[in-house]
Amino acid sequence: MKSEIFETYDEKINIPEIWISKADELVYSADILAQFEMLKLRTRRDVSGVTIDDFSICVMPQVLMLYGYAIENYLKAILVKKGKIKIVNDKVVGIGHDLMKLFLDCDFKFADSFEEIIKKIERHIYWEGRYPGPLKKKFYPDEFTEDNISEWPNTYVTNLDLDIIKSLFFQIEKMLDDNFE
């Protein structure tokens, strides 16, 4: 007896609206975490008889990771719609976490201001949102400079970053509308 609603694996993968639905869920989850982080709610713990707020946990890396996965799914929905997603031996091939490549594959022209935040989000998809360090050497900084030392290995996310991300989602939404009219 099948527990799947769909008859075949590739049937579900080839429905762009399912990719969009999953992306919407990821954005919703990231938004909730970001709002929580902005409230500065912290657990309290006792250290040597003194109760302090625990600032050792920050969920912004996970927020960026979830936003990144949402962007991936939105772009993959467009690729499915364009017939650019392939399934070989029961595995989706030709797509990955490389957001810049996905944007290019979707013929998305984004403003230069988006490039920096896209690279930051990619870093969180690949490792910073889930691992203590990069699992592949290619993601490790060649050197630590004033430009990257403050961000690595801990993420610093500004309100401007979040505004740029929301603007990027707005552009993606327009692209989705253009592809799904």
N, C-alpha and C. Protein backbone atom coordinates (compact mmCIF):
# COMPACT_ATOMS: atom_id res chain seq x y z
N MET A 1 0.84 -1.18 0.00
CA MET A 1 0.00 0.00 0.00
C MET A 1 0.89 1.24 0.00
N LYS A 2 0.62 2.17 -0.91
CA LYS A 2 1.39 3.40 -1.01
C LYS A 2 0.89 4.42 0.01
N SER A 3 1.87 5.11 0.61
CA SER A 3 1.50 6.18 1.52
C SER A 3 1.58 7.54 0.84
N GLU A 4 2.10 7.56 -0.38
CA GLU A 4 2.23 8.80 -1.12
C GLU A 4 0.91 9.15 -1.81
N ILE A 5 0.67 10.44 -1.90
CA ILE A 5 -0.50 10.92 -2.62
C ILE A 5 -0.25 10.78 -4.12
N PHE A 6 1.00 10.95 -4.51
CA PHE A 6 1.35 10.93 -5.92
C PHE A 6 1.75 9.53 -6.34
N GLU A 7 1.49 9.21 -7.59
CA GLU A 7 1.77 7.88 -8.10
C GLU A 7 3.26 7.59 -8.18
N THR A 8 4.03 8.58 -8.61
CA THR A 8 5.46 8.36 -8.78
C THR A 8 6.26 9.48 -8.14
N TYR A 9 7.49 9.18 -7.86
CA TYR A 9 8.41 10.14 -7.27
C TYR A 9 8.53 11.38 -8.14
N ASP A 10 8.74 11.18 -9.43
CA ASP A 10 8.97 12.32 -10.31
C ASP A 10 7.71 13.15 -10.54
N GLU A 11 6.55 12.58 -10.27
CA GLU A 11 5.32 13.35 -10.43
C GLU A 11 5.31 14.52 -9.44
N LYS A 12 5.68 14.29 -8.22
CA LYS A 12 5.68 15.33 -7.19
C LYS A 12 6.78 16.36 -7.46
N ILE A 13 7.94 15.91 -7.85
CA ILE A 13 9.09 16.79 -8.10
C ILE A 13 8.82 17.73 -9.28
N ASN A 14 8.00 17.31 -10.20
CA ASN A 14 7.76 18.08 -11.41
C ASN A 14 6.55 19.01 -11.32
N ILE A 15 6.09 19.29 -10.13
CA ILE A 15 4.98 20.22 -9.95
C ILE A 15 5.54 21.51 -9.32
N PRO A 16 5.67 22.58 -10.11
CA PRO A 16 6.29 23.81 -9.60
C PRO A 16 5.60 24.38 -8.37
N GLU A 17 4.28 24.23 -8.30
CA GLU A 17 3.54 24.79 -7.17
C GLU A 17 3.93 24.15 -5.85
N ILE A 18 4.38 22.89 -5.89
CA ILE A 18 4.83 22.23 -4.66
C ILE A 18 6.16 22.85 -4.21
N TRP A 19 7.04 23.15 -5.14
CA TRP A 19 8.30 23.83 -4.81
C TRP A 19 8.00 25.19 -4.19
N ILE A 20 7.03 25.91 -4.76
CA ILE A 20 6.66 27.24 -4.25
C ILE A 20 6.07 27.12 -2.86
N SER A 21 5.21 26.14 -2.65
CA SER A 21 4.60 25.93 -1.34
C SER A 21 5.66 25.67 -0.26
N LYS A 22 6.63 24.83 -0.59
CA LYS A 22 7.72 24.55 0.36
C LYS A 22 8.54 25.81 0.63
N ALA A 23 8.78 26.60 -0.41
CA ALA A 23 9.52 27.85 -0.25
C ALA A 23 8.76 28.80 0.67
N ASP A 24 7.44 28.89 0.48
CA ASP A 24 6.62 29.75 1.34
C ASP A 24 6.73 29.32 2.81
N GLU A 25 6.72 28.02 3.05
CA GLU A 25 6.86 27.50 4.42
C GLU A 25 8.22 27.88 5.02
N LEU A 26 9.26 27.82 4.21
CA LEU A 26 10.60 28.17 4.68
C LEU A 26 10.70 29.66 5.02
N VAL A 27 10.12 30.50 4.17
CA VAL A 27 10.12 31.95 4.45
C VAL A 27 9.36 32.23 5.74
N TYR A 28 8.22 31.60 5.89
CA TYR A 28 7.41 31.79 7.09
C TYR A 28 8.22 31.41 8.34
N SER A 29 8.89 30.28 8.28
CA SER A 29 9.71 29.81 9.42
C SER A 29 10.86 30.77 9.70
N ALA A 30 11.53 31.22 8.65
CA ALA A 30 12.65 32.17 8.82
C ALA A 30 12.15 33.48 9.41
N ASP A 31 11.01 33.95 8.95
CA ASP A 31 10.45 35.20 9.48
C ASP A 31 10.16 35.09 10.98
N ILE A 32 9.61 33.96 11.39
CA ILE A 32 9.32 33.75 12.81
C ILE A 32 10.61 33.77 13.63
N LEU A 33 11.63 33.05 13.16
CA LEU A 33 12.91 33.04 13.87
C LEU A 33 13.55 34.43 13.92
N ALA A 34 13.48 35.16 12.82
CA ALA A 34 14.05 36.51 12.78
C ALA A 34 13.32 37.43 13.77
N GLN A 35 12.00 37.31 13.83
CA GLN A 35 11.24 38.12 14.79
C GLN A 35 11.62 37.76 16.22
N PHE A 36 11.79 36.48 16.48
CA PHE A 36 12.21 36.03 17.81
C PHE A 36 13.56 36.63 18.17
N GLU A 37 14.49 36.59 17.23
CA GLU A 37 15.83 37.13 17.48
C GLU A 37 15.78 38.62 17.79
N MET A 38 14.91 39.33 17.10
CA MET A 38 14.81 40.77 17.31
C MET A 38 14.20 41.13 18.66
N LEU A 39 13.46 40.21 19.23
CA LEU A 39 12.88 40.45 20.56
C LEU A 39 13.94 40.37 21.66
N LYS A 40 15.09 39.80 21.32
CA LYS A 40 16.20 39.64 22.27
C LYS A 40 15.79 38.83 23.49
N LEU A 41 14.91 37.88 23.28
CA LEU A 41 14.52 36.98 24.37
C LEU A 41 15.64 35.97 24.57
N ARG A 42 16.05 35.80 25.76
CA ARG A 42 17.15 34.88 26.05
C ARG A 42 16.79 34.04 27.27
N THR A 43 17.29 32.85 27.25
CA THR A 43 17.16 32.04 28.45
C THR A 43 18.08 32.65 29.50
N ARG A 44 17.78 32.39 30.73
CA ARG A 44 18.62 32.89 31.82
C ARG A 44 19.31 31.69 32.43
N ARG A 45 20.55 31.90 32.83
CA ARG A 45 21.27 30.81 33.47
C ARG A 45 22.10 31.35 34.62
N ASP A 46 22.41 30.44 35.50
CA ASP A 46 23.17 30.80 36.69
C ASP A 46 24.66 30.53 36.44
N VAL A 47 25.47 31.56 36.60
CA VAL A 47 26.92 31.43 36.45
C VAL A 47 27.55 31.92 37.73
N SER A 48 28.14 31.01 38.46
CA SER A 48 28.80 31.35 39.73
C SER A 48 27.90 32.15 40.65
N GLY A 49 26.65 31.73 40.73
CA GLY A 49 25.72 32.38 41.65
C GLY A 49 25.08 33.64 41.11
N VAL A 50 25.41 34.02 39.88
CA VAL A 50 24.84 35.22 39.27
C VAL A 50 23.98 34.80 38.09
N THR A 51 22.74 35.29 38.06
CA THR A 51 21.84 34.97 36.95
C THR A 51 22.09 35.96 35.82
N ILE A 52 22.37 35.43 34.63
CA ILE A 52 22.64 36.27 33.47
C ILE A 52 21.80 35.81 32.28
N ASP A 53 21.61 36.72 31.33
CA ASP A 53 20.96 36.35 30.07
C ASP A 53 21.97 35.59 29.23
N ASP A 54 21.53 34.51 28.61
CA ASP A 54 22.41 33.68 27.79
C ASP A 54 22.44 34.23 26.37
N PHE A 55 23.51 34.92 26.02
CA PHE A 55 23.65 35.48 24.68
C PHE A 55 24.49 34.59 23.78
N SER A 56 24.73 33.36 24.21
CA SER A 56 25.58 32.47 23.42
C SER A 56 24.83 31.85 22.24
N ILE A 57 23.51 32.00 22.22
CA ILE A 57 22.74 31.44 21.12
C ILE A 57 22.18 32.56 20.28
N CYS A 58 22.42 32.46 18.99
CA CYS A 58 21.88 33.41 18.02
C CYS A 58 21.32 32.57 16.88
N VAL A 59 20.10 32.87 16.46
CA VAL A 59 19.47 32.06 15.42
C VAL A 59 19.58 32.69 14.03
N MET A 60 20.29 33.79 13.90
CA MET A 60 20.39 34.43 12.58
C MET A 60 21.06 33.56 11.52
N PRO A 61 22.06 32.74 11.88
CA PRO A 61 22.59 31.84 10.84
C PRO A 61 21.52 30.91 10.27
N GLN A 62 20.64 30.44 11.15
CA GLN A 62 19.57 29.55 10.69
C GLN A 62 18.51 30.32 9.90
N VAL A 63 18.29 31.58 10.27
CA VAL A 63 17.36 32.42 9.51
C VAL A 63 17.86 32.55 8.07
N LEU A 64 19.15 32.89 7.91
CA LEU A 64 19.69 33.03 6.56
C LEU A 64 19.68 31.70 5.81
N MET A 65 19.93 30.61 6.52
CA MET A 65 19.89 29.29 5.88
C MET A 65 18.47 29.01 5.35
N LEU A 66 17.46 29.27 6.16
CA LEU A 66 16.08 29.03 5.73
C LEU A 66 15.69 29.94 4.58
N TYR A 67 16.08 31.21 4.65
CA TYR A 67 15.81 32.11 3.51
C TYR A 67 16.50 31.57 2.26
N GLY A 68 17.71 31.07 2.42
CA GLY A 68 18.44 30.52 1.27
C GLY A 68 17.74 29.31 0.68
N TYR A 69 17.27 28.42 1.53
CA TYR A 69 16.55 27.26 1.02
C TYR A 69 15.25 27.68 0.32
N ALA A 70 14.61 28.73 0.84
CA ALA A 70 13.39 29.23 0.19
C ALA A 70 13.71 29.78 -1.20
N ILE A 71 14.78 30.58 -1.28
CA ILE A 71 15.18 31.11 -2.59
C ILE A 71 15.45 29.96 -3.56
N GLU A 72 16.16 28.95 -3.08
CA GLU A 72 16.43 27.76 -3.90
C GLU A 72 15.14 27.18 -4.46
N ASN A 73 14.17 26.98 -3.58
CA ASN A 73 12.93 26.33 -4.01
C ASN A 73 12.14 27.20 -4.98
N TYR A 74 12.12 28.51 -4.75
CA TYR A 74 11.44 29.38 -5.72
C TYR A 74 12.09 29.28 -7.09
N LEU A 75 13.42 29.33 -7.11
CA LEU A 75 14.14 29.25 -8.39
C LEU A 75 13.96 27.88 -9.04
N LYS A 76 13.96 26.84 -8.23
CA LYS A 76 13.77 25.50 -8.77
C LYS A 76 12.36 25.32 -9.32
N ALA A 77 11.38 26.01 -8.75
CA ALA A 77 10.02 25.98 -9.30
C ALA A 77 10.03 26.52 -10.72
N ILE A 78 10.77 27.60 -10.93
CA ILE A 78 10.87 28.18 -12.27
C ILE A 78 11.56 27.21 -13.22
N LEU A 79 12.62 26.57 -12.73
CA LEU A 79 13.33 25.60 -13.57
C LEU A 79 12.44 24.41 -13.91
N VAL A 80 11.62 23.98 -12.97
CA VAL A 80 10.67 22.89 -13.25
C VAL A 80 9.69 23.35 -14.33
N LYS A 81 9.18 24.56 -14.16
CA LYS A 81 8.22 25.11 -15.14
C LYS A 81 8.84 25.18 -16.54
N LYS A 82 10.13 25.50 -16.60
CA LYS A 82 10.83 25.60 -17.89
C LYS A 82 11.33 24.25 -18.39
N GLY A 83 11.08 23.18 -17.62
CA GLY A 83 11.52 21.85 -18.03
C GLY A 83 13.01 21.62 -17.87
N LYS A 84 13.65 22.38 -17.00
CA LYS A 84 15.10 22.26 -16.83
C LYS A 84 15.52 21.37 -15.66
N ILE A 85 14.56 20.77 -14.98
CA ILE A 85 14.87 19.83 -13.89
C ILE A 85 14.80 18.43 -14.47
N LYS A 86 15.84 17.64 -14.23
CA LYS A 86 15.89 16.28 -14.75
C LYS A 86 15.99 15.30 -13.59
N ILE A 87 15.38 14.15 -13.80
CA ILE A 87 15.48 13.06 -12.83
C ILE A 87 16.15 11.88 -13.52
N VAL A 88 17.28 11.47 -12.96
CA VAL A 88 18.04 10.35 -13.50
C VAL A 88 18.24 9.35 -12.38
N ASN A 89 17.87 8.09 -12.63
CA ASN A 89 17.99 7.04 -11.62
C ASN A 89 17.37 7.46 -10.29
N ASP A 90 16.15 7.99 -10.38
CA ASP A 90 15.40 8.41 -9.20
C ASP A 90 16.08 9.49 -8.38
N LYS A 91 16.90 10.32 -9.02
CA LYS A 91 17.56 11.41 -8.33
C LYS A 91 17.46 12.67 -9.19
N VAL A 92 17.11 13.79 -8.51
CA VAL A 92 17.07 15.07 -9.21
C VAL A 92 18.51 15.49 -9.48
N VAL A 93 18.83 15.82 -10.73
CA VAL A 93 20.19 16.21 -11.09
C VAL A 93 20.20 17.58 -11.75
N GLY A 94 21.37 18.18 -11.74
CA GLY A 94 21.54 19.45 -12.43
C GLY A 94 21.18 20.67 -11.61
N ILE A 95 20.80 20.46 -10.35
CA ILE A 95 20.51 21.58 -9.47
C ILE A 95 21.22 21.34 -8.15
N GLY A 96 21.50 22.40 -7.47
CA GLY A 96 22.18 22.28 -6.19
C GLY A 96 21.89 23.50 -5.35
N HIS A 97 22.84 23.83 -4.48
CA HIS A 97 22.66 24.96 -3.58
C HIS A 97 23.30 26.25 -4.11
N ASP A 98 23.89 26.21 -5.28
CA ASP A 98 24.58 27.37 -5.83
C ASP A 98 23.54 28.38 -6.33
N LEU A 99 23.24 29.35 -5.47
CA LEU A 99 22.19 30.31 -5.80
C LEU A 99 22.53 31.14 -7.03
N MET A 100 23.79 31.55 -7.15
CA MET A 100 24.17 32.36 -8.30
C MET A 100 23.89 31.59 -9.60
N LYS A 101 24.22 30.31 -9.62
CA LYS A 101 23.97 29.48 -10.80
C LYS A 101 22.46 29.34 -11.05
N LEU A 102 21.70 29.14 -9.98
CA LEU A 102 20.25 29.01 -10.14
C LEU A 102 19.65 30.30 -10.70
N PHE A 103 20.10 31.44 -10.18
CA PHE A 103 19.61 32.72 -10.72
C PHE A 103 19.93 32.83 -12.21
N LEU A 104 21.15 32.47 -12.59
CA LEU A 104 21.54 32.53 -14.00
C LEU A 104 20.72 31.57 -14.84
N ASP A 105 20.51 30.35 -14.31
CA ASP A 105 19.71 29.36 -15.05
C ASP A 105 18.28 29.83 -15.25
N CYS A 106 17.80 30.68 -14.35
CA CYS A 106 16.44 31.22 -14.46
C CYS A 106 16.40 32.52 -15.25
N ASP A 107 17.55 32.92 -15.78
CA ASP A 107 17.66 34.18 -16.54
C ASP A 107 17.24 35.38 -15.69
N PHE A 108 17.58 35.33 -14.41
CA PHE A 108 17.23 36.40 -13.48
C PHE A 108 18.34 37.44 -13.46
N LYS A 109 17.99 38.65 -13.75
CA LYS A 109 18.95 39.76 -13.72
C LYS A 109 18.73 40.51 -12.41
N PHE A 110 19.68 40.41 -11.52
CA PHE A 110 19.52 41.08 -10.23
C PHE A 110 20.48 42.24 -10.10
N ALA A 111 20.11 43.18 -9.25
CA ALA A 111 20.94 44.35 -9.00
C ALA A 111 22.23 43.93 -8.30
N ASP A 112 23.29 44.69 -8.53
CA ASP A 112 24.57 44.40 -7.88
C ASP A 112 24.45 44.34 -6.37
N SER A 113 23.52 45.12 -5.82
CA SER A 113 23.35 45.14 -4.36
C SER A 113 22.91 43.78 -3.82
N PHE A 114 22.33 42.95 -4.68
CA PHE A 114 21.90 41.62 -4.24
C PHE A 114 23.05 40.62 -4.19
N GLU A 115 24.09 40.84 -4.98
CA GLU A 115 25.16 39.84 -5.09
C GLU A 115 25.81 39.54 -3.74
N GLU A 116 26.12 40.57 -2.97
CA GLU A 116 26.78 40.35 -1.68
C GLU A 116 25.89 39.55 -0.72
N ILE A 117 24.61 39.88 -0.67
CA ILE A 117 23.72 39.16 0.25
C ILE A 117 23.48 37.74 -0.24
N ILE A 118 23.45 37.54 -1.55
CA ILE A 118 23.28 36.18 -2.08
C ILE A 118 24.48 35.32 -1.68
N LYS A 119 25.68 35.87 -1.78
CA LYS A 119 26.87 35.12 -1.37
C LYS A 119 26.85 34.82 0.12
N LYS A 120 26.37 35.75 0.92
CA LYS A 120 26.27 35.54 2.37
C LYS A 120 25.26 34.42 2.65
N ILE A 121 24.13 34.47 1.96
CA ILE A 121 23.11 33.43 2.14
C ILE A 121 23.64 32.07 1.71
N GLU A 122 24.35 32.03 0.58
CA GLU A 122 24.93 30.76 0.12
C GLU A 122 25.83 30.14 1.18
N ARG A 123 26.62 30.96 1.83
CA ARG A 123 27.52 30.47 2.87
C ARG A 123 26.72 29.78 3.99
N HIS A 124 25.54 30.31 4.25
CA HIS A 124 24.70 29.72 5.30
C HIS A 124 24.02 28.44 4.84
N ILE A 125 23.72 28.35 3.55
CA ILE A 125 23.15 27.11 3.01
C ILE A 125 24.19 26.00 3.08
N TYR A 126 25.40 26.32 2.62
CA TYR A 126 26.45 25.30 2.55
C TYR A 126 26.92 24.84 3.92
N TRP A 127 27.07 25.77 4.88
CA TRP A 127 27.61 25.31 6.16
C TRP A 127 27.28 26.18 7.35
N GLU A 128 27.29 27.49 7.23
CA GLU A 128 27.25 28.32 8.43
C GLU A 128 25.93 28.24 9.18
N GLY A 129 24.86 27.85 8.51
CA GLY A 129 23.58 27.71 9.18
C GLY A 129 23.42 26.38 9.91
N ARG A 130 24.39 25.45 9.72
CA ARG A 130 24.20 24.13 10.33
C ARG A 130 25.46 23.46 10.86
N TYR A 131 26.64 23.89 10.45
CA TYR A 131 27.87 23.24 10.89
C TYR A 131 28.78 24.23 11.60
N PRO A 132 29.72 23.74 12.43
CA PRO A 132 30.64 24.65 13.12
C PRO A 132 31.69 25.26 12.19
N GLY A 133 31.87 24.69 11.03
CA GLY A 133 32.83 25.19 10.04
C GLY A 133 32.54 24.56 8.71
N PRO A 134 33.17 25.05 7.65
CA PRO A 134 32.92 24.47 6.32
C PRO A 134 33.38 23.01 6.25
N LEU A 135 32.59 22.19 5.61
CA LEU A 135 32.94 20.79 5.43
C LEU A 135 33.80 20.59 4.18
N LYS A 136 33.84 21.60 3.34
CA LYS A 136 34.68 21.54 2.14
C LYS A 136 35.64 22.72 2.19
N LYS A 137 36.88 22.43 1.89
CA LYS A 137 37.92 23.45 1.97
C LYS A 137 37.62 24.67 1.10
N LYS A 138 36.94 24.46 -0.02
CA LYS A 138 36.68 25.58 -0.93
C LYS A 138 35.83 26.68 -0.28
N PHE A 139 35.12 26.36 0.81
CA PHE A 139 34.30 27.35 1.48
C PHE A 139 35.03 28.06 2.61
N TYR A 140 36.24 27.63 2.91
CA TYR A 140 37.02 28.25 3.97
C TYR A 140 37.70 29.50 3.41
N PRO A 141 37.64 30.63 4.13
CA PRO A 141 38.28 31.85 3.61
C PRO A 141 39.77 31.64 3.37
N ASP A 142 40.27 32.18 2.27
CA ASP A 142 41.71 32.09 1.99
C ASP A 142 42.52 32.80 3.06
N GLU A 143 41.97 33.89 3.54
CA GLU A 143 42.63 34.64 4.60
C GLU A 143 41.56 35.39 5.38
N PHE A 144 41.93 35.75 6.58
CA PHE A 144 41.02 36.54 7.38
C PHE A 144 41.43 38.00 7.25
N THR A 145 40.51 38.81 6.77
CA THR A 145 40.78 40.22 6.60
C THR A 145 39.76 41.00 7.42
N GLU A 146 39.94 42.29 7.44
CA GLU A 146 39.00 43.14 8.15
C GLU A 146 37.58 42.96 7.60
N ASP A 147 37.48 42.62 6.30
CA ASP A 147 36.18 42.47 5.68
C ASP A 147 35.44 41.20 6.10
N ASN A 148 36.18 40.14 6.43
CA ASN A 148 35.47 38.90 6.74
C ASN A 148 35.67 38.40 8.16
N ILE A 149 36.58 38.94 8.91
CA ILE A 149 36.83 38.40 10.24
C ILE A 149 35.65 38.59 11.17
N SER A 150 34.92 39.67 11.00
CA SER A 150 33.78 39.91 11.89
C SER A 150 32.61 38.99 11.58
N GLU A 151 32.59 38.44 10.39
CA GLU A 151 31.47 37.59 10.01
C GLU A 151 31.76 36.11 10.19
N TRP A 152 33.02 35.74 10.23
CA TRP A 152 33.32 34.32 10.25
C TRP A 152 34.05 33.95 11.50
N PRO A 153 33.67 32.94 12.24
CA PRO A 153 32.62 31.99 11.90
C PRO A 153 31.24 32.41 12.38
N ASN A 154 31.12 33.53 13.03
CA ASN A 154 29.81 33.97 13.51
C ASN A 154 29.20 34.98 12.55
N THR A 155 27.93 34.89 12.38
CA THR A 155 27.24 35.74 11.43
C THR A 155 26.79 37.03 12.07
N TYR A 156 27.04 38.09 11.38
CA TYR A 156 26.53 39.40 11.77
C TYR A 156 25.53 39.80 10.71
N VAL A 157 24.29 39.94 11.09
CA VAL A 157 23.22 40.26 10.15
C VAL A 157 22.60 41.58 10.59
N THR A 158 22.59 42.53 9.67
CA THR A 158 22.02 43.84 9.99
C THR A 158 20.57 43.91 9.54
N ASN A 159 19.88 44.95 10.01
CA ASN A 159 18.52 45.19 9.53
C ASN A 159 18.54 45.49 8.04
N LEU A 160 19.60 46.15 7.58
CA LEU A 160 19.73 46.41 6.14
C LEU A 160 19.82 45.10 5.36
N ASP A 161 20.56 44.11 5.89
CA ASP A 161 20.62 42.80 5.24
C ASP A 161 19.22 42.22 5.09
N LEU A 162 18.44 42.30 6.15
CA LEU A 162 17.08 41.75 6.11
C LEU A 162 16.21 42.52 5.12
N ASP A 163 16.40 43.83 5.05
CA ASP A 163 15.65 44.62 4.07
C ASP A 163 16.03 44.23 2.64
N ILE A 164 17.32 44.00 2.41
CA ILE A 164 17.78 43.60 1.07
C ILE A 164 17.21 42.23 0.72
N ILE A 165 17.19 41.33 1.71
CA ILE A 165 16.61 39.99 1.48
C ILE A 165 15.14 40.11 1.12
N LYS A 166 14.40 40.95 1.82
CA LYS A 166 12.97 41.13 1.52
C LYS A 166 12.79 41.72 0.11
N SER A 167 13.67 42.64 -0.26
CA SER A 167 13.63 43.20 -1.61
C SER A 167 13.94 42.13 -2.66
N LEU A 168 14.88 41.26 -2.34
CA LEU A 168 15.21 40.15 -3.25
C LEU A 168 14.00 39.23 -3.41
N PHE A 169 13.31 38.93 -2.30
CA PHE A 169 12.11 38.10 -2.39
C PHE A 169 11.04 38.77 -3.25
N PHE A 170 10.94 40.10 -3.14
CA PHE A 170 9.98 40.83 -3.97
C PHE A 170 10.31 40.65 -5.45
N GLN A 171 11.58 40.73 -5.80
CA GLN A 171 12.01 40.54 -7.19
C GLN A 171 11.73 39.10 -7.66
N ILE A 172 11.98 38.14 -6.77
CA ILE A 172 11.71 36.74 -7.10
C ILE A 172 10.21 36.53 -7.31
N GLU A 173 9.40 37.18 -6.48
CA GLU A 173 7.95 37.07 -6.62
C GLU A 173 7.50 37.61 -7.98
N LYS A 174 8.08 38.72 -8.41
CA LYS A 174 7.76 39.26 -9.74
C LYS A 174 8.15 38.27 -10.83
N MET A 175 9.32 37.62 -10.66
CA MET A 175 9.77 36.65 -11.63
C MET A 175 8.82 35.44 -11.65
N LEU A 176 8.37 35.03 -10.49
CA LEU A 176 7.41 33.91 -10.42
C LEU A 176 6.12 34.29 -11.14
N ASP A 177 5.64 35.50 -10.90
CA ASP A 177 4.43 35.96 -11.56
C ASP A 177 4.59 35.94 -13.08
N ASP A 178 5.76 36.39 -13.56
CA ASP A 178 6.01 36.40 -15.00
C ASP A 178 6.05 34.99 -15.59
N ASN A 179 6.53 34.03 -14.81
CA ASN A 179 6.66 32.65 -15.32
C ASN A 179 5.39 31.82 -15.13
N PHE A 180 4.48 32.27 -14.27
CA PHE A 180 3.30 31.47 -13.98
C PHE A 180 2.00 32.17 -14.35
N GLU A 181 2.07 33.11 -15.29
CA GLU A 181 0.83 33.80 -15.74
C GLU A 181 0.00 32.89 -16.59
